């Protein structure tokens, strides 16, 4: 009888351990996905701001049909989702990079612990989001 109880206790501990490990992994993956979505949303907000700069005349603080001179507003450079900066700028496009606060983990691959990073390519009439990491 004692052996049977010991085996049941050990089996119960193993099952609880597996459930805890799976739960932690699930919640981490959910946090990474939520952070990705938030970074992409923030990048679209910045893209809209950059397009507004492009369309405004120089006398109103804009670029007068150019992205040259666009700067990310100070209050949008960093938030709870991540950090944002201008990767490159030319008269007809600007590339803004956003680095999230969550790190992605892929088992034993080389990408373990790298923060999620996206870039948005902004042109006068379009935007394109690309994942970097």
N, C-alpha and C. Protein backbone atom coordinates (compact mmCIF):
# COMPACT_ATOMS: atom_id res chain seq x y z
N UNK A 1 0.81 -1.19 0.00
CA UNK A 1 0.00 0.00 0.00
C UNK A 1 0.86 1.26 0.00
N UNK A 2 1.96 1.28 0.77
CA UNK A 2 2.83 2.45 0.83
C UNK A 2 3.50 2.72 -0.51
N UNK A 3 3.92 1.67 -1.21
CA UNK A 3 4.56 1.86 -2.50
C UNK A 3 3.59 2.49 -3.49
N UNK A 4 2.35 2.04 -3.44
CA UNK A 4 1.33 2.57 -4.35
C UNK A 4 1.09 4.06 -4.06
N UNK A 5 1.03 4.44 -2.79
CA UNK A 5 0.83 5.84 -2.43
C UNK A 5 2.04 6.68 -2.86
N UNK A 6 3.23 6.17 -2.67
CA UNK A 6 4.44 6.89 -3.07
C UNK A 6 4.47 7.12 -4.58
N UNK A 7 4.11 6.09 -5.32
CA UNK A 7 4.09 6.22 -6.78
C UNK A 7 3.05 7.24 -7.20
N UNK A 8 1.88 7.24 -6.58
CA UNK A 8 0.84 8.21 -6.91
C UNK A 8 1.28 9.64 -6.57
N UNK A 9 1.97 9.81 -5.46
CA UNK A 9 2.46 11.14 -5.07
C UNK A 9 3.50 11.63 -6.08
N UNK A 10 4.43 10.76 -6.44
CA UNK A 10 5.46 11.12 -7.41
C UNK A 10 4.83 11.45 -8.76
N UNK A 11 3.88 10.63 -9.19
CA UNK A 11 3.19 10.88 -10.45
C UNK A 11 2.44 12.22 -10.41
N UNK A 12 1.80 12.52 -9.29
CA UNK A 12 1.09 13.79 -9.12
C UNK A 12 2.04 14.98 -9.20
N UNK A 13 3.20 14.87 -8.57
CA UNK A 13 4.19 15.94 -8.60
C UNK A 13 4.69 16.16 -10.03
N UNK A 14 4.93 15.09 -10.76
CA UNK A 14 5.39 15.20 -12.14
C UNK A 14 4.33 15.87 -13.01
N UNK A 15 3.08 15.47 -12.85
CA UNK A 15 1.99 16.05 -13.64
C UNK A 15 1.85 17.55 -13.33
N UNK A 16 1.91 17.92 -12.06
CA UNK A 16 1.81 19.33 -11.69
C UNK A 16 2.99 20.11 -12.26
N UNK A 17 4.18 19.55 -12.23
CA UNK A 17 5.37 20.21 -12.79
C UNK A 17 5.23 20.44 -14.28
N UNK A 18 4.72 19.46 -15.00
CA UNK A 18 4.53 19.61 -16.44
C UNK A 18 3.49 20.69 -16.72
N UNK A 19 2.40 20.71 -15.98
CA UNK A 19 1.35 21.71 -16.16
C UNK A 19 1.91 23.11 -15.90
N UNK A 20 2.70 23.28 -14.86
CA UNK A 20 3.29 24.58 -14.55
C UNK A 20 4.23 25.03 -15.68
N UNK A 21 5.06 24.11 -16.18
CA UNK A 21 5.99 24.46 -17.25
C UNK A 21 5.25 24.87 -18.52
N UNK A 22 4.22 24.13 -18.89
CA UNK A 22 3.44 24.47 -20.08
C UNK A 22 2.74 25.81 -19.89
N UNK A 23 2.22 26.08 -18.72
CA UNK A 23 1.53 27.34 -18.44
C UNK A 23 2.48 28.53 -18.55
N UNK A 24 3.66 28.39 -18.00
CA UNK A 24 4.65 29.48 -18.07
C UNK A 24 5.01 29.76 -19.52
N UNK A 25 5.22 28.71 -20.29
CA UNK A 25 5.55 28.87 -21.71
C UNK A 25 4.40 29.55 -22.46
N UNK A 26 3.17 29.15 -22.18
CA UNK A 26 2.00 29.74 -22.83
C UNK A 26 1.91 31.23 -22.53
N UNK A 27 2.04 31.59 -21.27
CA UNK A 27 1.90 33.00 -20.90
C UNK A 27 3.04 33.85 -21.46
N UNK A 28 4.24 33.29 -21.53
CA UNK A 28 5.35 34.02 -22.13
C UNK A 28 5.08 34.26 -23.62
N UNK A 29 4.65 33.22 -24.32
CA UNK A 29 4.35 33.37 -25.74
C UNK A 29 3.23 34.38 -25.98
N UNK A 30 2.25 34.40 -25.10
CA UNK A 30 1.15 35.36 -25.22
C UNK A 30 1.68 36.78 -24.99
N UNK A 31 2.56 36.96 -24.02
CA UNK A 31 3.14 38.29 -23.76
C UNK A 31 3.96 38.77 -24.96
N UNK A 32 4.71 37.87 -25.58
CA UNK A 32 5.50 38.23 -26.77
C UNK A 32 4.56 38.65 -27.90
N UNK A 33 3.49 37.89 -28.12
CA UNK A 33 2.56 38.22 -29.20
C UNK A 33 1.87 39.57 -28.94
N UNK A 34 1.47 39.82 -27.72
CA UNK A 34 0.85 41.10 -27.39
C UNK A 34 1.82 42.25 -27.59
N UNK A 35 3.10 42.03 -27.24
CA UNK A 35 4.11 43.07 -27.43
C UNK A 35 4.35 43.33 -28.92
N UNK A 36 4.39 42.27 -29.72
CA UNK A 36 4.54 42.44 -31.18
C UNK A 36 3.41 43.31 -31.73
N UNK A 37 2.18 42.97 -31.35
CA UNK A 37 1.03 43.72 -31.84
C UNK A 37 1.10 45.18 -31.42
N UNK A 38 1.53 45.44 -30.19
CA UNK A 38 1.63 46.82 -29.69
C UNK A 38 2.72 47.59 -30.42
N UNK A 39 3.86 46.96 -30.68
CA UNK A 39 4.95 47.62 -31.40
C UNK A 39 4.50 47.97 -32.83
N UNK A 40 3.83 47.04 -33.48
CA UNK A 40 3.33 47.30 -34.84
C UNK A 40 2.32 48.44 -34.83
N UNK A 41 1.44 48.45 -33.85
CA UNK A 41 0.46 49.54 -33.74
C UNK A 41 1.17 50.89 -33.54
N UNK A 42 2.17 50.92 -32.67
CA UNK A 42 2.94 52.15 -32.45
C UNK A 42 3.65 52.59 -33.73
N UNK A 43 4.20 51.64 -34.49
CA UNK A 43 4.87 51.97 -35.74
C UNK A 43 3.90 52.58 -36.75
N UNK A 44 2.67 52.08 -36.78
CA UNK A 44 1.67 52.66 -37.68
C UNK A 44 1.32 54.08 -37.25
N UNK A 45 1.28 54.32 -35.95
CA UNK A 45 1.04 55.68 -35.46
C UNK A 45 2.16 56.61 -35.90
N UNK A 46 3.40 56.16 -35.77
CA UNK A 46 4.55 56.96 -36.19
C UNK A 46 4.55 57.16 -37.72
N UNK A 47 4.13 56.14 -38.47
CA UNK A 47 4.05 56.26 -39.92
C UNK A 47 3.05 57.35 -40.31
N UNK A 48 1.94 57.38 -39.61
CA UNK A 48 0.94 58.41 -39.87
C UNK A 48 1.50 59.80 -39.58
N UNK A 49 2.25 59.90 -38.49
CA UNK A 49 2.87 61.18 -38.13
C UNK A 49 3.89 61.60 -39.20
N UNK A 50 4.66 60.64 -39.70
CA UNK A 50 5.65 60.94 -40.74
C UNK A 50 4.97 61.37 -42.03
N UNK A 51 3.87 60.72 -42.39
CA UNK A 51 3.15 61.11 -43.60
C UNK A 51 2.54 62.50 -43.46
N UNK A 52 2.11 62.84 -42.25
CA UNK A 52 1.61 64.19 -42.00
C UNK A 52 2.73 65.21 -42.20
N UNK A 53 3.92 64.90 -41.69
CA UNK A 53 5.09 65.77 -41.89
C UNK A 53 5.36 65.95 -43.39
N UNK A 54 5.28 64.86 -44.13
CA UNK A 54 5.54 64.89 -45.58
C UNK A 54 4.58 65.84 -46.29
N UNK A 55 3.33 65.81 -45.91
CA UNK A 55 2.29 66.58 -46.61
C UNK A 55 2.24 68.05 -46.21
N UNK A 56 2.72 68.39 -45.01
CA UNK A 56 2.63 69.78 -44.55
C UNK A 56 3.65 70.66 -45.26
N UNK A 57 3.27 71.92 -45.54
CA UNK A 57 4.24 72.85 -46.11
C UNK A 57 5.31 73.24 -45.10
N UNK A 58 6.42 73.73 -45.60
CA UNK A 58 7.54 74.13 -44.72
C UNK A 58 7.13 75.17 -43.69
N UNK A 59 6.30 76.12 -44.09
CA UNK A 59 5.93 77.19 -43.16
C UNK A 59 5.05 76.70 -42.01
N UNK A 60 4.52 75.48 -42.10
CA UNK A 60 3.73 74.89 -41.01
C UNK A 60 4.53 73.82 -40.26
N UNK A 61 5.82 73.77 -40.49
CA UNK A 61 6.68 72.81 -39.79
C UNK A 61 6.77 71.45 -40.45
N UNK A 62 6.34 71.35 -41.69
CA UNK A 62 6.36 70.09 -42.40
C UNK A 62 7.54 69.95 -43.33
N UNK A 63 7.48 68.93 -44.16
CA UNK A 63 8.58 68.65 -45.07
C UNK A 63 8.34 69.12 -46.49
N UNK A 64 7.11 69.60 -46.79
CA UNK A 64 6.79 70.10 -48.12
C UNK A 64 7.12 69.05 -49.19
N UNK A 65 6.43 67.90 -49.10
CA UNK A 65 6.59 66.76 -50.02
C UNK A 65 7.96 66.09 -49.89
N UNK A 66 8.48 66.06 -48.66
CA UNK A 66 9.74 65.39 -48.38
C UNK A 66 9.73 64.88 -46.93
N UNK A 67 10.34 63.72 -46.72
CA UNK A 67 10.46 63.19 -45.36
C UNK A 67 11.70 63.76 -44.65
N UNK A 68 12.56 64.45 -45.40
CA UNK A 68 13.76 65.05 -44.80
C UNK A 68 13.34 65.95 -43.64
N UNK A 69 14.04 65.87 -42.56
CA UNK A 69 13.76 66.70 -41.39
C UNK A 69 12.76 66.09 -40.43
N UNK A 70 12.19 64.92 -40.79
CA UNK A 70 11.24 64.29 -39.87
C UNK A 70 11.97 63.75 -38.65
N UNK A 71 11.42 64.04 -37.50
CA UNK A 71 11.94 63.51 -36.23
C UNK A 71 10.78 62.91 -35.46
N UNK A 72 11.04 61.82 -34.79
CA UNK A 72 10.01 61.21 -33.95
C UNK A 72 9.75 62.14 -32.77
N UNK A 73 8.49 62.47 -32.49
CA UNK A 73 8.20 63.31 -31.32
C UNK A 73 8.75 62.66 -30.05
N UNK A 74 9.29 63.47 -29.17
CA UNK A 74 9.94 62.98 -27.95
C UNK A 74 9.05 62.03 -27.16
N UNK A 75 7.75 62.35 -27.05
CA UNK A 75 6.84 61.53 -26.25
C UNK A 75 6.53 60.18 -26.91
N UNK A 76 6.90 60.01 -28.18
CA UNK A 76 6.65 58.75 -28.88
C UNK A 76 7.90 57.90 -29.07
N UNK A 77 9.05 58.40 -28.63
CA UNK A 77 10.31 57.65 -28.80
C UNK A 77 10.39 56.40 -27.94
N UNK A 78 9.68 56.40 -26.82
CA UNK A 78 9.73 55.27 -25.91
C UNK A 78 8.43 55.20 -25.13
N UNK A 79 7.94 53.98 -24.91
CA UNK A 79 6.76 53.77 -24.08
C UNK A 79 6.82 52.37 -23.48
N UNK A 80 5.74 51.92 -22.88
CA UNK A 80 5.73 50.61 -22.23
C UNK A 80 5.90 49.46 -23.23
N UNK A 81 5.64 49.72 -24.50
CA UNK A 81 5.75 48.67 -25.52
C UNK A 81 7.16 48.50 -26.05
N UNK A 82 7.92 49.61 -26.13
CA UNK A 82 9.27 49.52 -26.68
C UNK A 82 9.88 50.87 -26.95
N UNK A 83 10.95 50.84 -27.73
CA UNK A 83 11.69 52.05 -28.11
C UNK A 83 11.67 52.18 -29.63
N UNK A 84 11.60 53.43 -30.10
CA UNK A 84 11.45 53.68 -31.52
C UNK A 84 12.49 54.70 -31.98
N UNK A 85 13.06 54.46 -33.16
CA UNK A 85 14.01 55.42 -33.72
C UNK A 85 13.96 55.37 -35.24
N UNK A 86 14.50 56.42 -35.84
CA UNK A 86 14.55 56.48 -37.29
C UNK A 86 15.77 55.70 -37.75
N UNK A 87 15.52 54.72 -38.61
CA UNK A 87 16.59 53.87 -39.13
C UNK A 87 17.25 54.53 -40.33
N UNK A 88 16.43 55.09 -41.23
CA UNK A 88 16.96 55.83 -42.37
C UNK A 88 15.89 56.79 -42.87
N UNK A 89 16.35 57.84 -43.54
CA UNK A 89 15.43 58.84 -44.08
C UNK A 89 15.96 59.34 -45.42
N UNK A 90 15.05 59.51 -46.36
CA UNK A 90 15.37 60.11 -47.66
C UNK A 90 14.19 61.01 -48.02
N UNK A 91 14.29 61.78 -49.07
CA UNK A 91 13.18 62.66 -49.42
C UNK A 91 11.86 61.93 -49.67
N UNK A 92 11.93 60.69 -50.21
CA UNK A 92 10.69 60.00 -50.56
C UNK A 92 10.35 58.81 -49.66
N UNK A 93 11.10 58.56 -48.61
CA UNK A 93 10.75 57.49 -47.66
C UNK A 93 11.49 57.67 -46.33
N UNK A 94 10.92 57.07 -45.30
CA UNK A 94 11.55 57.03 -43.99
C UNK A 94 11.33 55.63 -43.43
N UNK A 95 12.34 55.09 -42.79
CA UNK A 95 12.24 53.77 -42.17
C UNK A 95 12.37 53.97 -40.67
N UNK A 96 11.34 53.53 -39.94
CA UNK A 96 11.31 53.67 -38.48
C UNK A 96 11.40 52.28 -37.88
N UNK A 97 12.27 52.13 -36.88
CA UNK A 97 12.48 50.84 -36.22
C UNK A 97 11.90 50.87 -34.83
N UNK A 98 11.22 49.79 -34.46
CA UNK A 98 10.68 49.64 -33.12
C UNK A 98 11.20 48.37 -32.50
N UNK A 99 11.73 48.48 -31.28
CA UNK A 99 12.24 47.32 -30.55
C UNK A 99 11.38 47.13 -29.31
N UNK A 100 10.74 46.00 -29.21
CA UNK A 100 9.84 45.70 -28.11
C UNK A 100 10.56 45.42 -26.81
N UNK A 101 9.79 45.31 -25.74
CA UNK A 101 10.37 45.04 -24.43
C UNK A 101 10.47 43.54 -24.15
N UNK A 102 9.70 42.74 -24.84
CA UNK A 102 9.72 41.29 -24.63
C UNK A 102 10.80 40.64 -25.48
N UNK A 103 11.37 39.56 -24.98
CA UNK A 103 12.34 38.80 -25.76
C UNK A 103 11.68 37.55 -26.30
N UNK A 104 12.06 37.22 -27.50
CA UNK A 104 11.50 36.00 -28.07
C UNK A 104 12.46 34.85 -27.78
N UNK A 105 11.91 33.69 -27.60
CA UNK A 105 12.73 32.51 -27.32
C UNK A 105 12.33 31.42 -28.28
N UNK A 106 13.30 30.81 -28.90
CA UNK A 106 13.03 29.72 -29.82
C UNK A 106 13.89 28.52 -29.46
N UNK A 107 13.60 27.91 -28.37
CA UNK A 107 14.32 26.71 -27.97
C UNK A 107 15.81 26.92 -27.89
N UNK A 108 16.55 26.14 -28.65
CA UNK A 108 18.01 26.19 -28.60
C UNK A 108 18.61 26.98 -29.75
N UNK A 109 17.79 27.74 -30.48
CA UNK A 109 18.33 28.47 -31.63
C UNK A 109 19.18 29.66 -31.17
N UNK A 110 19.83 30.28 -32.13
CA UNK A 110 20.69 31.43 -31.84
C UNK A 110 19.89 32.68 -31.49
N UNK A 111 18.58 32.68 -31.76
CA UNK A 111 17.76 33.87 -31.53
C UNK A 111 17.27 33.99 -30.10
N UNK A 112 17.68 33.15 -29.23
CA UNK A 112 17.17 33.15 -27.87
C UNK A 112 17.52 34.45 -27.18
N UNK A 113 16.54 35.07 -26.58
CA UNK A 113 16.75 36.27 -25.81
C UNK A 113 16.83 37.56 -26.60
N UNK A 114 16.62 37.51 -27.91
CA UNK A 114 16.67 38.72 -28.74
C UNK A 114 15.32 39.43 -28.64
N UNK A 115 15.36 40.72 -28.45
CA UNK A 115 14.12 41.50 -28.38
C UNK A 115 13.48 41.58 -29.75
N UNK A 116 12.15 41.50 -29.77
CA UNK A 116 11.45 41.59 -31.04
C UNK A 116 11.66 42.97 -31.64
N UNK A 117 11.91 43.00 -32.94
CA UNK A 117 12.20 44.26 -33.63
C UNK A 117 11.50 44.27 -34.98
N UNK A 118 10.83 45.37 -35.25
CA UNK A 118 10.15 45.57 -36.53
C UNK A 118 10.58 46.90 -37.12
N UNK A 119 10.49 46.99 -38.44
CA UNK A 119 10.73 48.25 -39.14
C UNK A 119 9.52 48.52 -40.02
N UNK A 120 9.16 49.79 -40.12
CA UNK A 120 8.10 50.18 -41.02
C UNK A 120 8.68 51.13 -42.05
N UNK A 121 8.44 50.82 -43.31
CA UNK A 121 8.91 51.65 -44.41
C UNK A 121 7.74 52.56 -44.78
N UNK A 122 7.94 53.85 -44.64
CA UNK A 122 6.88 54.82 -44.88
C UNK A 122 7.17 55.58 -46.16
N UNK A 123 6.21 55.57 -47.06
CA UNK A 123 6.27 56.35 -48.29
C UNK A 123 5.04 57.24 -48.32
N UNK A 124 4.96 58.20 -49.23
CA UNK A 124 3.83 59.13 -49.21
C UNK A 124 2.45 58.47 -49.18
N UNK A 125 2.26 57.39 -49.91
CA UNK A 125 0.95 56.78 -49.97
C UNK A 125 0.86 55.37 -49.43
N UNK A 126 1.92 54.87 -48.81
CA UNK A 126 1.90 53.48 -48.36
C UNK A 126 2.86 53.26 -47.18
N UNK A 127 2.62 52.14 -46.51
CA UNK A 127 3.52 51.69 -45.44
C UNK A 127 3.71 50.19 -45.58
N UNK A 128 4.86 49.71 -45.14
CA UNK A 128 5.14 48.28 -45.16
C UNK A 128 5.91 47.90 -43.90
N UNK A 129 5.38 46.97 -43.14
CA UNK A 129 6.01 46.52 -41.91
C UNK A 129 6.83 45.26 -42.21
N UNK A 130 8.06 45.25 -41.67
CA UNK A 130 8.94 44.08 -41.84
C UNK A 130 9.50 43.69 -40.48
N UNK A 131 9.52 42.39 -40.23
CA UNK A 131 10.11 41.89 -39.00
C UNK A 131 11.60 41.77 -39.19
N UNK A 132 12.36 42.30 -38.22
CA UNK A 132 13.82 42.22 -38.26
C UNK A 132 14.26 41.03 -37.42
N UNK A 133 13.79 40.98 -36.16
CA UNK A 133 14.08 39.85 -35.25
C UNK A 133 12.79 39.39 -34.65
